[in-house]
Amino acid sequence: MLRIEKHSDGCVSRLRLSGRIRSDHIAYVRSAMSDGCARTILDLSDVILVDLEVVRFLIGVEDEGTELFQCPPYVREWMLRERDEGPEPGSSDAT
């Protein structure tokens, strides 16, 4: 189960995500992020489990400028490996 707590301070939006994040939660997280703030921080300190699509989502939002705060080490390592490997041949991410 995913829990999202949102805090805004001026034009900085901080989302604290807790629990398990599955691919079907990505739309909820995206929606919570779309408040027009100039800067978004995803606090991942209480995240216990993610799946591959969530890792790819986190890579994408980080590349777009979202700060990932307290990203669990296993998630960061997975992100680094995904970045190194790039998209799978034949996947929808391949160009």
Protein backbone atom coordinates (compact mmCIF):
# COMPACT_ATOMS: atom_id res chain seq x y z
CA MET A 1 0.00 0.00 0.00
CA LEU A 2 1.24 3.48 -0.87
CA ARG A 3 0.75 6.56 1.26
CA ILE A 4 1.47 10.07 -0.04
CA GLU A 5 1.87 13.07 2.26
CA LYS A 6 2.19 16.42 0.51
CA HIS A 7 3.75 19.55 1.92
CA SER A 8 4.22 22.81 0.01
CA ASP A 9 6.35 25.76 1.01
CA GLY A 10 6.12 28.53 -1.53
CA CYS A 11 7.06 26.98 -4.83
CA VAL A 12 8.69 23.87 -3.38
CA SER A 13 6.52 20.79 -3.18
CA ARG A 14 7.66 17.85 -1.04
CA LEU A 15 5.94 14.50 -1.38
CA ARG A 16 6.70 11.89 1.24
CA LEU A 17 6.03 8.43 -0.14
CA SER A 18 5.59 5.54 2.28
CA GLY A 19 5.16 1.82 1.77
CA ARG A 20 5.18 -0.12 -1.47
CA ILE A 21 5.09 1.67 -4.80
CA ARG A 22 3.79 -0.38 -7.73
CA SER A 23 3.49 0.60 -11.36
CA ASP A 24 -0.25 1.22 -10.96
CA HIS A 25 0.57 3.94 -8.37
CA ILE A 26 2.65 6.01 -10.81
CA ALA A 27 -0.39 7.97 -12.04
CA TYR A 28 -1.25 8.95 -8.44
CA VAL A 29 2.30 10.13 -7.79
CA ARG A 30 2.37 12.07 -11.07
CA SER A 31 -0.93 13.71 -10.20
CA ALA A 32 0.35 14.74 -6.77
CA MET A 33 3.48 16.18 -8.41
CA SER A 34 1.54 18.32 -10.89
CA ASP A 35 0.81 21.33 -8.70
CA GLY A 36 2.75 23.90 -10.71
CA CYS A 37 5.58 24.26 -8.19
CA ALA A 38 8.97 25.09 -9.63
CA ARG A 39 10.72 22.45 -7.53
CA THR A 40 9.54 19.00 -6.47
CA ILE A 41 11.15 16.72 -3.90
CA LEU A 42 10.19 13.07 -3.54
CA ASP A 43 11.05 11.87 -0.04
CA LEU A 44 11.56 8.12 -0.36
CA SER A 45 12.82 7.49 3.18
CA ASP A 46 9.82 5.29 4.06
CA VAL A 47 9.60 3.36 0.78
CA ILE A 48 10.03 -0.37 1.33
CA LEU A 49 9.42 -1.88 -2.11
CA VAL A 50 9.27 -0.77 -5.75
CA ASP A 51 8.94 -2.53 -9.10
CA LEU A 52 10.78 -2.06 -12.39
CA GLU A 53 8.33 0.48 -13.85
CA VAL A 54 8.63 2.59 -10.70
CA VAL A 55 12.43 2.52 -11.00
CA ARG A 56 12.11 3.74 -14.60
CA PHE A 57 9.64 6.42 -13.48
CA LEU A 58 12.06 7.61 -10.79
CA ILE A 59 14.88 7.78 -13.34
CA GLY A 60 12.68 9.89 -15.62
CA VAL A 61 11.53 12.36 -12.98
CA GLU A 62 15.04 12.72 -11.60
CA ASP A 63 16.32 13.44 -15.12
CA GLU A 64 13.59 16.11 -15.39
CA GLY A 65 14.85 17.82 -12.22
CA THR A 66 12.90 16.22 -9.37
CA GLU A 67 15.05 15.67 -6.30
CA LEU A 68 14.95 12.16 -4.82
CA PHE A 69 15.52 12.59 -1.07
CA GLN A 70 16.64 9.65 1.09
CA CYS A 71 16.33 7.18 -1.78
CA PRO A 72 16.79 3.65 -0.37
CA PRO A 73 20.18 2.23 -1.37
CA TYR A 74 18.69 -0.77 -3.21
CA VAL A 75 16.47 1.56 -5.29
CA ARG A 76 19.42 3.84 -6.13
CA GLU A 77 21.52 0.83 -7.14
CA TRP A 78 18.68 -0.50 -9.33
CA MET A 79 18.35 2.94 -10.94
CA LEU A 80 22.08 3.02 -11.70
CA ARG A 81 21.92 -0.42 -13.29
CA GLU A 82 18.88 0.53 -15.38
CA ARG A 83 20.66 3.68 -16.58
CA ASP A 84 23.75 1.65 -17.51
CA GLU A 85 21.75 -0.98 -19.39
CA GLY A 86 19.46 1.42 -21.22
CA PRO A 87 16.16 0.33 -22.79
CA GLU A 88 15.71 -3.30 -23.77
CA PRO A 89 15.81 -3.98 -27.53
CA GLY A 90 12.27 -4.17 -28.82
CA SER A 91 10.77 -2.41 -25.80
CA SER A 92 8.59 0.66 -26.13
CA ASP A 93 11.45 2.69 -24.60
CA ALA A 94 13.89 1.79 -27.39
CA THR A 95 14.52 4.38 -30.09
